[in-house]
């Protein structure tokens, strides 16, 4: 295959992984609790809360990030930051990317959030000053070598009822992963 054609195929197919329909797990929290916020919320559809509490914030209810729908304060009002852990997610071998939006508490403190993809070795810590704007963070490419069950976990370090703010969590095939699979199939057919 000519290099120019190969590049065109990869570029054209890499956009497929960015389609929301290809997502393995997506949660914006906007449908939680009937679309309204709640202090010390634990009734999440896709998450469990342990070792503390989290708050569901948003329009008309302690909306610290206007225009972003509902989102989670990772250090709830009952004292003790909650550990937010997703439902189990089954992954097949392949390349994946975890992304999420985090902001500072917007209330005068600094928070460190530890994020982990349980079932893999991937983990990171992000420190946010209070005024930090809502920013998208990405894991980069995470390789899964065999069928694996994972969970996404967020843990705020504070215990002052003012946690980092979390929104828009996604686990998707890594951009370009579908392109590589399609390209491998194309090349295999071409060799025959």
N, C-alpha and C. Protein backbone atom coordinates (compact mmCIF):
# COMPACT_ATOMS: atom_id res chain seq x y z
N UNK A 1 0.86 -1.17 0.00
CA UNK A 1 0.00 0.00 0.00
C UNK A 1 0.90 1.24 0.00
N UNK A 2 0.57 2.21 -0.81
CA UNK A 2 1.34 3.44 -0.88
C UNK A 2 1.24 4.19 0.44
N UNK A 3 2.34 4.82 0.94
CA UNK A 3 2.31 5.55 2.21
C UNK A 3 1.23 6.63 2.26
N UNK A 4 1.00 7.37 1.16
CA UNK A 4 -0.02 8.42 1.17
C UNK A 4 -1.41 7.82 1.36
N UNK A 5 -1.67 6.68 0.69
CA UNK A 5 -2.97 6.02 0.84
C UNK A 5 -3.12 5.47 2.25
N UNK A 6 -2.05 4.88 2.78
CA UNK A 6 -2.07 4.36 4.15
C UNK A 6 -2.40 5.47 5.14
N UNK A 7 -1.78 6.63 5.01
CA UNK A 7 -2.06 7.76 5.90
C UNK A 7 -3.50 8.20 5.78
N UNK A 8 -4.02 8.24 4.57
CA UNK A 8 -5.41 8.65 4.36
C UNK A 8 -6.38 7.69 5.03
N UNK A 9 -6.10 6.39 4.92
CA UNK A 9 -6.97 5.38 5.53
C UNK A 9 -6.95 5.54 7.05
N UNK A 10 -5.77 5.70 7.64
CA UNK A 10 -5.67 5.84 9.09
C UNK A 10 -6.40 7.09 9.56
N UNK A 11 -6.19 8.22 8.88
CA UNK A 11 -6.86 9.47 9.28
C UNK A 11 -8.37 9.32 9.15
N UNK A 12 -8.84 8.74 8.07
CA UNK A 12 -10.28 8.61 7.85
C UNK A 12 -10.92 7.69 8.89
N UNK A 13 -10.26 6.60 9.23
CA UNK A 13 -10.84 5.65 10.16
C UNK A 13 -10.65 6.04 11.61
N UNK A 14 -9.63 6.84 11.93
CA UNK A 14 -9.37 7.18 13.33
C UNK A 14 -10.51 7.98 13.94
N UNK A 15 -11.25 8.72 13.14
CA UNK A 15 -12.38 9.49 13.63
C UNK A 15 -13.52 8.61 14.12
N UNK A 16 -13.57 7.35 13.70
CA UNK A 16 -14.64 6.46 14.11
C UNK A 16 -14.66 6.23 15.62
N UNK A 17 -13.51 6.16 16.25
CA UNK A 17 -13.45 5.89 17.68
C UNK A 17 -13.97 7.06 18.50
N UNK A 18 -14.03 8.25 17.93
CA UNK A 18 -14.50 9.42 18.66
C UNK A 18 -16.02 9.53 18.66
N UNK A 19 -16.69 8.71 17.88
CA UNK A 19 -18.15 8.71 17.83
C UNK A 19 -18.69 8.24 19.18
N UNK A 20 -19.58 9.02 19.83
CA UNK A 20 -20.12 8.61 21.13
C UNK A 20 -20.74 7.21 21.11
N UNK A 21 -21.20 6.77 19.95
CA UNK A 21 -21.81 5.45 19.86
C UNK A 21 -20.78 4.34 20.11
N UNK A 22 -19.48 4.65 19.95
CA UNK A 22 -18.46 3.63 20.17
C UNK A 22 -18.01 3.58 21.63
N UNK A 23 -18.55 4.45 22.48
CA UNK A 23 -18.14 4.50 23.89
C UNK A 23 -18.53 3.22 24.61
N UNK A 24 -17.67 2.78 25.51
CA UNK A 24 -17.91 1.62 26.35
C UNK A 24 -18.68 2.06 27.60
N UNK A 25 -18.35 3.25 28.12
CA UNK A 25 -18.97 3.79 29.33
C UNK A 25 -19.01 5.30 29.20
N UNK A 26 -20.17 5.91 29.43
CA UNK A 26 -20.32 7.37 29.38
C UNK A 26 -21.25 7.78 30.51
N UNK A 27 -20.87 8.80 31.27
CA UNK A 27 -21.77 9.33 32.29
C UNK A 27 -21.50 10.82 32.47
N UNK A 28 -22.54 11.63 32.24
CA UNK A 28 -22.47 13.08 32.45
C UNK A 28 -23.18 13.48 33.73
N UNK A 29 -23.81 12.53 34.42
CA UNK A 29 -24.54 12.73 35.68
C UNK A 29 -25.83 13.54 35.51
N UNK A 30 -26.15 14.00 34.30
CA UNK A 30 -27.29 14.89 34.10
C UNK A 30 -28.65 14.27 34.39
N UNK A 31 -28.77 12.96 34.32
CA UNK A 31 -30.07 12.33 34.57
C UNK A 31 -30.22 11.82 36.01
N UNK A 32 -29.20 12.00 36.81
CA UNK A 32 -29.27 11.54 38.20
C UNK A 32 -30.33 12.31 38.98
N UNK A 33 -30.94 11.67 39.94
CA UNK A 33 -31.89 12.27 40.88
C UNK A 33 -32.94 13.13 40.18
N UNK A 34 -33.43 12.62 39.06
CA UNK A 34 -34.46 13.35 38.33
C UNK A 34 -33.98 14.66 37.73
N UNK A 35 -32.67 14.81 37.57
CA UNK A 35 -32.11 16.03 36.99
C UNK A 35 -31.90 17.16 37.97
N UNK A 36 -32.00 16.88 39.27
CA UNK A 36 -31.76 17.91 40.29
C UNK A 36 -30.67 17.47 41.24
N UNK A 37 -29.97 18.44 41.80
CA UNK A 37 -28.88 18.15 42.72
C UNK A 37 -29.38 17.64 44.06
N UNK A 38 -28.43 17.08 44.82
CA UNK A 38 -28.75 16.58 46.16
C UNK A 38 -27.47 16.45 46.96
N UNK A 39 -27.50 16.92 48.20
CA UNK A 39 -26.35 16.75 49.09
C UNK A 39 -26.26 15.30 49.53
N UNK A 40 -25.03 14.84 49.75
CA UNK A 40 -24.77 13.48 50.22
C UNK A 40 -25.50 12.45 49.36
N UNK A 41 -25.33 12.57 48.05
CA UNK A 41 -26.05 11.71 47.11
C UNK A 41 -25.35 10.37 46.96
N UNK A 42 -26.12 9.29 47.01
CA UNK A 42 -25.55 7.95 46.83
C UNK A 42 -26.38 7.07 45.91
N UNK A 43 -27.38 7.62 45.25
CA UNK A 43 -28.27 6.83 44.40
C UNK A 43 -27.87 6.78 42.94
N UNK A 44 -26.60 6.86 42.64
CA UNK A 44 -26.13 6.89 41.24
C UNK A 44 -26.51 5.62 40.48
N UNK A 45 -26.83 5.78 39.20
CA UNK A 45 -27.16 4.65 38.34
C UNK A 45 -25.92 3.82 38.01
N UNK A 46 -24.76 4.46 37.84
CA UNK A 46 -23.56 3.77 37.38
C UNK A 46 -22.41 3.77 38.38
N UNK A 47 -22.64 4.25 39.59
CA UNK A 47 -21.56 4.45 40.56
C UNK A 47 -21.99 4.04 41.95
N UNK A 48 -21.02 3.68 42.78
CA UNK A 48 -21.25 3.51 44.21
C UNK A 48 -20.35 4.48 44.95
N UNK A 49 -20.78 4.88 46.12
CA UNK A 49 -20.02 5.81 46.96
C UNK A 49 -19.64 5.06 48.23
N UNK A 50 -18.35 5.12 48.59
CA UNK A 50 -17.90 4.46 49.82
C UNK A 50 -16.94 5.39 50.56
N UNK A 51 -16.66 5.08 51.78
CA UNK A 51 -15.72 5.76 52.69
C UNK A 51 -16.00 7.23 52.92
N UNK A 52 -17.17 7.72 52.62
CA UNK A 52 -17.50 9.13 52.80
C UNK A 52 -18.70 9.48 51.95
N UNK A 53 -18.80 10.75 51.58
CA UNK A 53 -19.95 11.20 50.79
C UNK A 53 -19.52 12.08 49.63
N UNK A 54 -20.42 12.20 48.65
CA UNK A 54 -20.26 13.13 47.54
C UNK A 54 -21.57 13.89 47.40
N UNK A 55 -21.53 15.05 46.75
CA UNK A 55 -22.73 15.84 46.49
C UNK A 55 -22.97 15.91 44.99
N UNK A 56 -24.23 15.92 44.61
CA UNK A 56 -24.64 16.11 43.22
C UNK A 56 -25.05 17.57 43.08
N UNK A 57 -24.28 18.34 42.31
CA UNK A 57 -24.50 19.78 42.18
C UNK A 57 -24.91 20.14 40.77
N UNK A 58 -25.53 21.32 40.63
CA UNK A 58 -25.87 21.78 39.29
C UNK A 58 -26.94 22.85 39.30
N UNK A 59 -27.61 23.00 38.15
CA UNK A 59 -28.57 24.10 37.99
C UNK A 59 -29.57 24.18 39.13
N UNK A 60 -29.65 25.38 39.73
CA UNK A 60 -30.61 25.62 40.80
C UNK A 60 -30.23 24.99 42.12
N UNK A 61 -29.06 24.36 42.21
CA UNK A 61 -28.68 23.67 43.44
C UNK A 61 -27.17 23.77 43.63
N UNK A 62 -26.70 24.80 44.28
CA UNK A 62 -25.26 25.04 44.48
C UNK A 62 -24.51 24.95 43.16
N UNK A 63 -24.97 25.65 42.14
CA UNK A 63 -24.38 25.54 40.81
C UNK A 63 -23.10 26.38 40.74
N UNK A 64 -21.98 25.73 40.95
CA UNK A 64 -20.68 26.40 40.95
C UNK A 64 -20.09 26.50 39.54
N UNK A 65 -20.64 25.72 38.60
CA UNK A 65 -20.18 25.72 37.20
C UNK A 65 -21.38 25.92 36.28
N UNK A 66 -21.96 27.11 36.25
CA UNK A 66 -23.16 27.33 35.44
C UNK A 66 -22.97 26.89 33.99
N UNK A 67 -24.01 26.28 33.44
CA UNK A 67 -23.99 25.85 32.05
C UNK A 67 -23.45 24.45 31.82
N UNK A 68 -23.14 23.71 32.89
CA UNK A 68 -22.56 22.38 32.72
C UNK A 68 -23.47 21.25 33.19
N UNK A 69 -24.73 21.50 33.43
CA UNK A 69 -25.63 20.44 33.89
C UNK A 69 -25.25 20.00 35.29
N UNK A 70 -25.58 18.75 35.62
CA UNK A 70 -25.22 18.20 36.93
C UNK A 70 -23.79 17.69 36.91
N UNK A 71 -23.12 17.73 38.06
CA UNK A 71 -21.76 17.25 38.23
C UNK A 71 -21.58 16.88 39.69
N UNK A 72 -20.47 16.24 40.02
CA UNK A 72 -20.26 15.68 41.36
C UNK A 72 -19.18 16.45 42.11
N UNK A 73 -19.50 16.85 43.35
CA UNK A 73 -18.51 17.39 44.30
C UNK A 73 -17.97 16.16 45.03
N UNK A 74 -16.69 15.87 44.84
CA UNK A 74 -16.10 14.63 45.36
C UNK A 74 -15.85 14.63 46.87
N UNK A 75 -16.21 15.71 47.57
CA UNK A 75 -16.10 15.76 49.03
C UNK A 75 -17.43 16.25 49.58
N UNK A 76 -18.35 15.34 49.85
CA UNK A 76 -19.71 15.66 50.25
C UNK A 76 -19.81 16.40 51.57
N UNK A 77 -21.00 16.85 51.89
CA UNK A 77 -21.22 17.71 53.04
C UNK A 77 -21.26 16.98 54.37
N UNK A 78 -21.28 15.67 54.38
CA UNK A 78 -21.37 14.94 55.65
C UNK A 78 -20.00 14.69 56.27
N UNK A 79 -18.96 15.25 55.70
CA UNK A 79 -17.61 15.05 56.24
C UNK A 79 -17.00 13.78 55.71
N UNK A 80 -15.82 13.86 55.20
CA UNK A 80 -15.12 12.72 54.65
C UNK A 80 -15.40 12.58 53.17
N UNK A 81 -14.39 12.78 52.36
CA UNK A 81 -14.55 12.66 50.91
C UNK A 81 -14.95 11.24 50.54
N UNK A 82 -15.90 11.13 49.64
CA UNK A 82 -16.35 9.81 49.19
C UNK A 82 -15.44 9.25 48.12
N UNK A 83 -15.41 7.93 48.06
CA UNK A 83 -14.72 7.24 46.97
C UNK A 83 -15.81 6.86 45.98
N UNK A 84 -15.74 7.37 44.75
CA UNK A 84 -16.73 7.14 43.72
C UNK A 84 -16.20 6.06 42.78
N UNK A 85 -16.89 4.91 42.72
CA UNK A 85 -16.43 3.77 41.94
C UNK A 85 -17.53 3.36 40.96
N UNK A 86 -17.17 3.23 39.69
CA UNK A 86 -18.14 2.89 38.66
C UNK A 86 -18.59 1.44 38.78
N UNK A 87 -19.67 1.14 38.07
CA UNK A 87 -20.10 -0.25 37.91
C UNK A 87 -18.99 -1.00 37.18
N UNK A 88 -19.06 -2.32 37.20
CA UNK A 88 -18.08 -3.14 36.48
C UNK A 88 -18.25 -2.95 34.98
N UNK A 89 -17.14 -2.86 34.28
CA UNK A 89 -17.12 -2.65 32.83
C UNK A 89 -16.27 -3.76 32.22
N UNK A 90 -16.86 -4.57 31.36
CA UNK A 90 -16.13 -5.66 30.71
C UNK A 90 -15.45 -5.14 29.45
N UNK A 91 -14.13 -5.36 29.36
CA UNK A 91 -13.36 -4.94 28.20
C UNK A 91 -12.76 -6.14 27.49
N UNK A 92 -12.75 -6.09 26.18
CA UNK A 92 -12.07 -7.08 25.37
C UNK A 92 -10.65 -6.57 25.09
N UNK A 93 -9.73 -7.43 24.65
CA UNK A 93 -8.39 -6.95 24.33
C UNK A 93 -8.46 -5.80 23.33
N UNK A 94 -7.66 -4.79 23.56
CA UNK A 94 -7.64 -3.63 22.68
C UNK A 94 -7.04 -2.42 23.36
N UNK A 95 -7.20 -1.29 22.72
CA UNK A 95 -6.67 -0.03 23.21
C UNK A 95 -7.83 0.86 23.62
N UNK A 96 -7.74 1.47 24.80
CA UNK A 96 -8.82 2.27 25.35
C UNK A 96 -8.28 3.60 25.86
N UNK A 97 -9.20 4.56 26.00
CA UNK A 97 -8.85 5.86 26.57
C UNK A 97 -9.94 6.26 27.57
N UNK A 98 -9.52 6.64 28.76
CA UNK A 98 -10.40 7.16 29.79
C UNK A 98 -10.27 8.68 29.78
N UNK A 99 -11.42 9.39 29.73
CA UNK A 99 -11.38 10.84 29.84
C UNK A 99 -12.45 11.30 30.81
N UNK A 100 -12.22 12.47 31.40
CA UNK A 100 -13.14 13.02 32.40
C UNK A 100 -12.83 14.49 32.55
N UNK A 101 -13.84 15.24 33.03
CA UNK A 101 -13.66 16.66 33.29
C UNK A 101 -13.53 16.88 34.79
N UNK A 102 -12.54 17.66 35.21
CA UNK A 102 -12.35 18.04 36.61
C UNK A 102 -12.19 19.55 36.72
N UNK A 103 -12.72 20.11 37.81
CA UNK A 103 -12.52 21.53 38.13
C UNK A 103 -12.17 21.62 39.61
N UNK A 104 -11.54 22.73 39.98
CA UNK A 104 -11.31 23.00 41.39
C UNK A 104 -12.64 23.19 42.10
N UNK A 105 -12.61 23.23 43.41
CA UNK A 105 -13.85 23.32 44.20
C UNK A 105 -14.59 24.64 44.01
N UNK A 106 -13.90 25.68 43.55
CA UNK A 106 -14.46 27.02 43.37
C UNK A 106 -14.80 27.66 44.72
N UNK A 107 -14.20 27.13 45.84
CA UNK A 107 -14.54 27.62 47.17
C UNK A 107 -13.33 27.84 48.06
N UNK A 108 -12.16 28.13 47.47
CA UNK A 108 -11.03 28.60 48.25
C UNK A 108 -10.08 27.56 48.82
N UNK A 109 -9.98 26.37 48.25
CA UNK A 109 -9.04 25.38 48.76
C UNK A 109 -8.32 24.69 47.61
N UNK A 110 -7.47 23.74 47.93
CA UNK A 110 -6.77 22.93 46.93
C UNK A 110 -7.13 21.47 47.18
N UNK A 111 -7.37 20.73 46.11
CA UNK A 111 -7.72 19.32 46.22
C UNK A 111 -6.84 18.47 45.32
N UNK A 112 -6.54 17.27 45.78
CA UNK A 112 -5.86 16.28 44.95
C UNK A 112 -6.83 15.14 44.75
N UNK A 113 -7.03 14.75 43.49
CA UNK A 113 -7.92 13.66 43.14
C UNK A 113 -7.08 12.52 42.58
N UNK A 114 -7.25 11.33 43.15
CA UNK A 114 -6.60 10.14 42.61
C UNK A 114 -7.62 9.42 41.75
N UNK A 115 -7.21 9.13 40.52
CA UNK A 115 -8.07 8.45 39.56
C UNK A 115 -7.41 7.12 39.21
N UNK A 116 -8.20 6.05 39.21
CA UNK A 116 -7.66 4.74 38.89
C UNK A 116 -8.61 3.98 37.98
N UNK A 117 -8.05 3.16 37.13
CA UNK A 117 -8.83 2.21 36.35
C UNK A 117 -8.53 0.85 36.99
N UNK A 118 -9.39 0.49 37.97
CA UNK A 118 -9.18 -0.74 38.72
C UNK A 118 -9.25 -1.93 37.77
N UNK A 119 -8.37 -2.88 37.96
CA UNK A 119 -8.26 -4.02 37.05
C UNK A 119 -7.11 -3.85 36.08
N UNK A 120 -6.49 -2.65 36.10
CA UNK A 120 -5.30 -2.35 35.31
C UNK A 120 -4.30 -1.67 36.24
N UNK A 121 -3.14 -1.36 35.72
CA UNK A 121 -2.13 -0.66 36.51
C UNK A 121 -2.25 0.86 36.38
N UNK A 122 -3.23 1.35 35.60
CA UNK A 122 -3.31 2.77 35.34
C UNK A 122 -3.89 3.53 36.54
N UNK A 123 -3.16 4.56 36.97
CA UNK A 123 -3.62 5.46 38.03
C UNK A 123 -2.91 6.80 37.85
N UNK A 124 -3.54 7.85 38.33
CA UNK A 124 -2.92 9.17 38.29
C UNK A 124 -3.48 10.01 39.41
N UNK A 125 -2.75 11.04 39.78
CA UNK A 125 -3.23 12.02 40.76
C UNK A 125 -3.16 13.40 40.13
N UNK A 126 -4.22 14.19 40.35
CA UNK A 126 -4.32 15.53 39.79
C UNK A 126 -4.60 16.50 40.93
N UNK A 127 -3.77 17.53 41.06
CA UNK A 127 -3.97 18.54 42.09
C UNK A 127 -4.55 19.79 41.43
N UNK A 128 -5.64 20.28 42.04
CA UNK A 128 -6.38 21.41 41.48
C UNK A 128 -6.51 22.52 42.50
N UNK A 129 -6.13 23.74 42.12
CA UNK A 129 -6.41 24.90 42.97
C UNK A 129 -7.90 25.18 42.87
N UNK A 130 -8.42 25.89 43.84
CA UNK A 130 -9.85 26.16 43.91
C UNK A 130 -10.43 26.74 42.64
N UNK A 131 -9.73 27.66 42.01
CA UNK A 131 -10.26 28.37 40.85
C UNK A 131 -10.06 27.64 39.53
N UNK A 132 -9.48 26.44 39.56
CA UNK A 132 -9.22 25.70 38.31
C UNK A 132 -10.52 25.48 37.54
N UNK A 133 -10.51 25.87 36.27
CA UNK A 133 -11.68 25.71 35.40
C UNK A 133 -11.91 24.25 35.06
N UNK A 134 -13.12 23.94 34.66
CA UNK A 134 -13.46 22.58 34.22
C UNK A 134 -12.61 22.25 33.00
N UNK A 135 -11.78 21.21 33.14
CA UNK A 135 -10.81 20.83 32.11
C UNK A 135 -10.93 19.34 31.85
N UNK A 136 -10.80 18.95 30.58
CA UNK A 136 -10.84 17.54 30.22
C UNK A 136 -9.44 16.94 30.39
N UNK A 137 -9.39 15.82 31.11
CA UNK A 137 -8.15 15.06 31.32
C UNK A 137 -8.31 13.72 30.61
N UNK A 138 -7.19 13.17 30.13
CA UNK A 138 -7.21 11.91 29.41
C UNK A 138 -6.11 10.99 29.92
N UNK A 139 -6.43 9.71 29.93
CA UNK A 139 -5.45 8.71 30.36
C UNK A 139 -4.39 8.45 29.32
N UNK A 140 -4.63 8.84 28.08
CA UNK A 140 -3.80 8.37 26.99
C UNK A 140 -4.23 6.95 26.67
N UNK A 141 -3.44 6.22 25.93
CA UNK A 141 -3.82 4.87 25.51
C UNK A 141 -3.53 3.86 26.62
N UNK A 142 -4.56 3.08 26.95
CA UNK A 142 -4.41 1.99 27.92
C UNK A 142 -4.61 0.69 27.15
N UNK A 143 -3.59 -0.18 27.15
CA UNK A 143 -3.67 -1.44 26.43
C UNK A 143 -4.24 -2.53 27.34
N UNK A 144 -5.23 -3.23 26.83
CA UNK A 144 -5.82 -4.37 27.54
C UNK A 144 -5.46 -5.62 26.74
N UNK A 145 -4.69 -6.53 27.34
CA UNK A 145 -4.17 -7.69 26.62
C UNK A 145 -5.10 -8.90 26.61
N UNK A 146 -5.99 -8.98 27.59
CA UNK A 146 -6.91 -10.12 27.65
C UNK A 146 -8.25 -9.62 28.19
N UNK A 147 -9.33 -10.40 28.03
CA UNK A 147 -10.61 -9.94 28.56
C UNK A 147 -10.47 -9.56 30.04
N UNK A 148 -10.93 -8.38 30.39
CA UNK A 148 -10.72 -7.82 31.73
C UNK A 148 -11.97 -7.07 32.17
N UNK A 149 -12.28 -7.17 33.45
CA UNK A 149 -13.33 -6.36 34.04
C UNK A 149 -12.66 -5.24 34.82
N UNK A 150 -13.06 -4.00 34.53
CA UNK A 150 -12.45 -2.83 35.16
C UNK A 150 -13.53 -2.02 35.87
N UNK A 151 -13.10 -1.10 36.71
CA UNK A 151 -13.95 -0.08 37.32
C UNK A 151 -13.16 1.21 37.34
N UNK A 152 -13.86 2.32 37.15
CA UNK A 152 -13.24 3.64 37.19
C UNK A 152 -13.45 4.17 38.61
N UNK A 153 -12.39 4.72 39.21
CA UNK A 153 -12.52 5.19 40.59
C UNK A 153 -11.91 6.58 40.76
N UNK A 154 -12.66 7.45 41.49
CA UNK A 154 -12.21 8.80 41.82
C UNK A 154 -12.21 8.94 43.34
N UNK A 155 -11.10 9.46 43.89
CA UNK A 155 -11.00 9.69 45.34
C UNK A 155 -10.38 11.05 45.57
N UNK A 156 -11.14 11.95 46.23
CA UNK A 156 -10.66 13.28 46.60
C UNK A 156 -9.88 13.16 47.91
N UNK A 157 -8.82 13.94 48.06
CA UNK A 157 -7.99 13.84 49.26
C UNK A 157 -8.53 14.62 50.45
N UNK A 158 -9.40 15.58 50.23
CA UNK A 158 -9.84 16.46 51.31
C UNK A 158 -10.92 15.90 52.19
N UNK A 159 -11.16 16.57 53.29
CA UNK A 159 -12.23 16.23 54.21
C UNK A 159 -12.84 17.52 54.76
N UNK A 160 -13.00 18.51 53.86
CA UNK A 160 -13.49 19.81 54.31
C UNK A 160 -14.82 20.19 53.66
N UNK A 161 -15.49 19.23 53.06
CA UNK A 161 -16.78 19.46 52.38
C UNK A 161 -16.65 20.32 51.12
N UNK A 162 -15.46 20.46 50.59
CA UNK A 162 -15.22 21.26 49.39
C UNK A 162 -14.31 20.49 48.46
N UNK A 163 -14.89 19.59 47.68
CA UNK A 163 -14.08 18.74 46.82
C UNK A 163 -13.94 19.25 45.41
N UNK A 164 -13.07 18.59 44.66
CA UNK A 164 -12.95 18.85 43.23
C UNK A 164 -14.28 18.46 42.59
N UNK A 165 -14.56 19.04 41.43
CA UNK A 165 -15.83 18.84 40.74
C UNK A 165 -15.60 17.96 39.52
N UNK A 166 -16.40 16.90 39.38
CA UNK A 166 -16.24 15.88 38.34
C UNK A 166 -17.43 15.86 37.40
N UNK A 167 -17.16 15.71 36.10
CA UNK A 167 -18.22 15.61 35.10
C UNK A 167 -17.71 14.83 33.89
N UNK A 168 -18.64 14.37 33.06
CA UNK A 168 -18.36 13.80 31.73
C UNK A 168 -17.28 12.72 31.72
N UNK A 169 -17.55 11.61 32.36
CA UNK A 169 -16.61 10.48 32.40
C UNK A 169 -16.89 9.58 31.20
N UNK A 170 -15.84 9.22 30.46
CA UNK A 170 -15.98 8.35 29.29
C UNK A 170 -14.84 7.35 29.22
N UNK A 171 -15.18 6.13 28.87
CA UNK A 171 -14.18 5.12 28.53
C UNK A 171 -14.52 4.67 27.12
N UNK A 172 -13.60 4.90 26.18
CA UNK A 172 -13.86 4.64 24.76
C UNK A 172 -12.69 3.89 24.15
N UNK A 173 -12.94 3.23 23.00
CA UNK A 173 -11.78 2.70 22.27
C UNK A 173 -10.85 3.87 21.95
N UNK A 174 -9.56 3.66 22.09
CA UNK A 174 -8.60 4.75 21.88
C UNK A 174 -8.71 5.27 20.45
N UNK A 175 -8.65 6.60 20.26
CA UNK A 175 -8.67 7.14 18.90
C UNK A 175 -7.59 6.46 18.07
N UNK A 176 -7.98 6.00 16.92
CA UNK A 176 -7.04 5.30 16.04
C UNK A 176 -7.06 3.80 16.22
N UNK A 177 -7.60 3.30 17.35
CA UNK A 177 -7.62 1.85 17.57
C UNK A 177 -8.47 1.15 16.52
N UNK A 178 -9.62 1.70 16.20
CA UNK A 178 -10.46 1.10 15.16
C UNK A 178 -9.78 1.18 13.81
N UNK A 179 -9.05 2.26 13.58
CA UNK A 179 -8.33 2.41 12.32
C UNK A 179 -7.28 1.32 12.17
N UNK A 180 -6.56 1.04 13.24
CA UNK A 180 -5.53 0.01 13.18
C UNK A 180 -6.12 -1.37 12.92
N UNK A 181 -7.26 -1.67 13.57
CA UNK A 181 -7.92 -2.95 13.35
C UNK A 181 -8.38 -3.05 11.90
N UNK A 182 -9.02 -2.00 11.39
CA UNK A 182 -9.49 -2.00 10.01
C UNK A 182 -8.33 -2.10 9.03
N UNK A 183 -7.24 -1.38 9.32
CA UNK A 183 -6.08 -1.40 8.45
C UNK A 183 -5.45 -2.79 8.44
N UNK A 184 -5.35 -3.44 9.59
CA UNK A 184 -4.80 -4.79 9.65
C UNK A 184 -5.63 -5.74 8.80
N UNK A 185 -6.95 -5.62 8.89
CA UNK A 185 -7.83 -6.47 8.08
C UNK A 185 -7.66 -6.19 6.60
N UNK A 186 -7.55 -4.90 6.23
CA UNK A 186 -7.36 -4.52 4.84
C UNK A 186 -6.05 -5.09 4.29
N UNK A 187 -4.98 -4.96 5.08
CA UNK A 187 -3.67 -5.45 4.64
C UNK A 187 -3.67 -6.97 4.52
N UNK A 188 -4.34 -7.66 5.45
CA UNK A 188 -4.41 -9.12 5.39
C UNK A 188 -5.15 -9.57 4.13
N UNK A 189 -6.26 -8.90 3.80
CA UNK A 189 -7.01 -9.25 2.58
C UNK A 189 -6.16 -8.96 1.34
N UNK A 190 -5.42 -7.88 1.37
CA UNK A 190 -4.60 -7.49 0.21
C UNK A 190 -3.50 -8.52 -0.03
N UNK A 191 -2.92 -9.09 1.03
CA UNK A 191 -1.85 -10.09 0.89
C UNK A 191 -2.37 -11.37 0.24
N UNK A 192 -3.64 -11.70 0.56
CA UNK A 192 -4.22 -12.92 -0.02
C UNK A 192 -4.40 -12.72 -1.49
